Amino acid sequence: MSKKGSREERELVNMLWEADCAAMRAPASGGATKNPLPDVIAGNGNIYLAIEVKSTSQERIYIDSGKIDALLEFSSKFGAQPYVGAKFKREKWRFISINHLYKTKKENYRLDKELAFKKGIELDELIGRSKQIKFNSNK
């Protein structure tokens, strides 16, 4: 795991604690174990989350299908909601449901910044503190 990725994971864990959720980094994520583990696990008694954390200074993020498969497997067994937590440089965190990710020709996943801000949600909505109202501009 790169230092940048670890830093983003720690930032997210701290944000979740400040939002009254118990949260931790899964120390064995990133291939150190055969078990499917997300980067961050969090919950507040009402909601349980498994989050694959990605950060970039680019306009898109690519995610290996094995990471998403592991996230989905863990979430199913644990009873957590799976999300990709995306941190684009100089932007707020966005949390994206797996079904909003674009599947590439090589069966991996891609998340564009525009899609993250169109379909993704902010932390308060993720943990159930608020609900964002999104207007459909395609009418």
Protein backbone atom coordinates (compact mmCIF):
# COMPACT_ATOMS: atom_id res chain seq x y z
CA MET A 1 0.00 0.00 0.00
CA SER A 2 1.39 3.37 -0.89
CA LYS A 3 1.80 6.06 1.73
CA LYS A 4 -0.78 8.15 -0.13
CA GLY A 5 -3.38 5.36 0.06
CA SER A 6 -2.71 4.78 3.74
CA ARG A 7 -3.03 8.49 4.44
CA GLU A 8 -6.41 8.65 2.71
CA GLU A 9 -7.61 5.58 4.61
CA ARG A 10 -6.58 7.13 7.94
CA GLU A 11 -8.30 10.40 6.98
CA LEU A 12 -11.52 8.54 6.22
CA VAL A 13 -11.37 6.55 9.47
CA ASN A 14 -10.93 9.79 11.43
CA MET A 15 -13.87 11.39 9.59
CA LEU A 16 -16.06 8.40 10.41
CA TRP A 17 -15.12 8.52 14.12
CA GLU A 18 -15.91 12.25 14.17
CA ALA A 19 -19.31 11.36 12.66
CA ASP A 20 -20.05 8.97 15.58
CA CYS A 21 -19.20 5.76 13.74
CA ALA A 22 -16.77 3.12 14.90
CA ALA A 23 -14.27 2.65 12.10
CA MET A 24 -10.99 0.92 11.36
CA ARG A 25 -8.59 0.24 8.57
CA ALA A 26 -8.40 -3.43 7.69
CA PRO A 27 -4.67 -4.00 8.26
CA ALA A 28 -4.57 -7.05 6.01
CA SER A 29 -6.14 -5.38 2.99
CA GLY A 30 -4.01 -4.99 -0.11
CA GLY A 31 -3.08 -8.63 -0.56
CA ALA A 32 -1.50 -9.51 2.80
CA THR A 33 -4.12 -12.22 3.32
CA LYS A 34 -6.19 -14.56 1.19
CA ASN A 35 -9.33 -13.36 2.95
CA PRO A 36 -11.44 -10.74 1.15
CA LEU A 37 -11.07 -7.53 3.15
CA PRO A 38 -12.06 -3.94 2.34
CA ASP A 39 -9.80 -0.98 3.16
CA VAL A 40 -12.14 0.45 5.82
CA ILE A 41 -14.88 -1.08 7.94
CA ALA A 42 -17.32 1.17 9.80
CA GLY A 43 -20.64 1.14 11.57
CA ASN A 44 -22.86 3.04 14.00
CA GLY A 45 -25.38 0.40 15.09
CA ASN A 46 -27.78 1.32 12.30
CA ILE A 47 -25.55 1.00 9.26
CA TYR A 48 -22.50 -1.14 8.51
CA LEU A 49 -20.10 -0.16 5.75
CA ALA A 50 -17.29 -1.84 3.85
CA ILE A 51 -15.31 0.69 1.83
CA GLU A 52 -12.65 0.27 -0.84
CA VAL A 53 -10.67 3.54 -0.73
CA LYS A 54 -9.26 5.12 -3.87
CA SER A 55 -7.59 8.50 -4.31
CA THR A 56 -6.18 10.29 -7.31
CA SER A 57 -5.12 13.60 -8.75
CA GLN A 58 -6.44 12.44 -12.16
CA GLU A 59 -9.94 12.60 -13.63
CA ARG A 60 -10.62 8.86 -13.28
CA ILE A 61 -9.87 5.90 -11.08
CA TYR A 62 -9.34 2.33 -12.25
CA ILE A 63 -10.14 -0.52 -9.88
CA ASP A 64 -9.11 -4.14 -10.34
CA SER A 65 -12.10 -6.49 -10.49
CA GLY A 66 -10.54 -8.63 -7.74
CA LYS A 67 -10.83 -5.70 -5.32
CA ILE A 68 -14.52 -5.26 -6.10
CA ASP A 69 -15.17 -9.01 -5.91
CA ALA A 70 -13.48 -9.11 -2.47
CA LEU A 71 -15.45 -6.06 -1.31
CA LEU A 72 -18.72 -7.68 -2.37
CA GLU A 73 -17.84 -11.02 -0.76
CA PHE A 74 -16.85 -9.41 2.54
CA SER A 75 -19.93 -7.18 2.54
CA SER A 76 -22.23 -10.12 1.93
CA LYS A 77 -20.76 -12.17 4.77
CA PHE A 78 -20.50 -9.24 7.20
CA GLY A 79 -23.85 -7.64 6.42
CA ALA A 80 -22.26 -4.38 5.30
CA GLN A 81 -23.12 -2.03 2.47
CA PRO A 82 -20.24 -1.96 -0.05
CA TYR A 83 -18.96 1.36 -1.38
CA VAL A 84 -15.98 2.80 -3.17
CA GLY A 85 -14.75 5.83 -1.26
CA ALA A 86 -13.24 8.19 -3.83
CA LYS A 87 -11.02 11.14 -2.97
CA PHE A 88 -10.20 13.30 -5.96
CA LYS A 89 -7.51 15.87 -5.25
CA ARG A 90 -8.89 19.13 -3.80
CA GLU A 91 -12.44 17.71 -3.73
CA LYS A 92 -14.73 16.31 -1.05
CA TRP A 93 -15.00 12.59 -0.51
CA ARG A 94 -17.62 10.81 -2.59
CA PHE A 95 -19.04 7.35 -1.90
CA ILE A 96 -20.20 5.36 -4.87
CA SER A 97 -22.31 2.23 -5.01
CA ILE A 98 -20.70 -0.59 -6.99
CA ASN A 99 -23.57 -0.68 -9.49
CA HIS A 100 -22.64 2.84 -10.64
CA LEU A 101 -19.09 1.87 -11.66
CA TYR A 102 -18.28 1.47 -15.34
CA LYS A 103 -17.04 -2.01 -16.31
CA THR A 104 -14.09 -1.91 -18.72
CA LYS A 105 -13.38 -4.24 -21.65
CA LYS A 106 -10.89 -6.12 -19.46
CA GLU A 107 -13.61 -6.68 -16.83
CA ASN A 108 -12.14 -4.19 -14.36
CA TYR A 109 -13.88 -1.05 -13.15
CA ARG A 110 -13.55 2.66 -13.84
CA LEU A 111 -14.89 5.64 -11.95
CA ASP A 112 -14.83 9.03 -13.63
CA LYS A 113 -14.78 12.17 -11.51
CA GLU A 114 -17.93 13.48 -13.19
CA LEU A 115 -19.81 10.27 -12.37
CA ALA A 116 -18.54 10.30 -8.78
CA PHE A 117 -20.06 13.74 -8.24
CA LYS A 118 -23.24 12.93 -10.16
CA LYS A 119 -24.05 9.52 -8.61
CA GLY A 120 -21.90 9.47 -5.47
CA ILE A 121 -23.00 10.62 -2.04
CA GLU A 122 -21.30 12.59 0.73
CA LEU A 123 -20.36 11.23 4.15
CA ASP A 124 -23.46 12.54 5.95
CA GLU A 125 -25.75 10.71 3.56
CA LEU A 126 -23.59 7.59 3.67
CA ILE A 127 -24.04 7.26 7.42
CA GLY A 128 -27.69 8.28 7.36
CA ARG A 129 -27.36 11.77 8.88
CA SER A 130 -28.85 13.56 5.89
CA LYS A 131 -30.33 12.94 2.47
CA GLN A 132 -29.10 14.70 -0.65
CA ILE A 133 -31.68 15.88 -3.13
CA LYS A 134 -30.54 15.38 -6.69
CA PHE A 135 -32.33 16.98 -9.59
CA ASN A 136 -32.54 15.21 -12.91
CA SER A 137 -31.20 17.61 -15.52
CA ASN A 138 -32.05 15.24 -18.39
CA LYS A 139 -35.71 16.26 -18.58
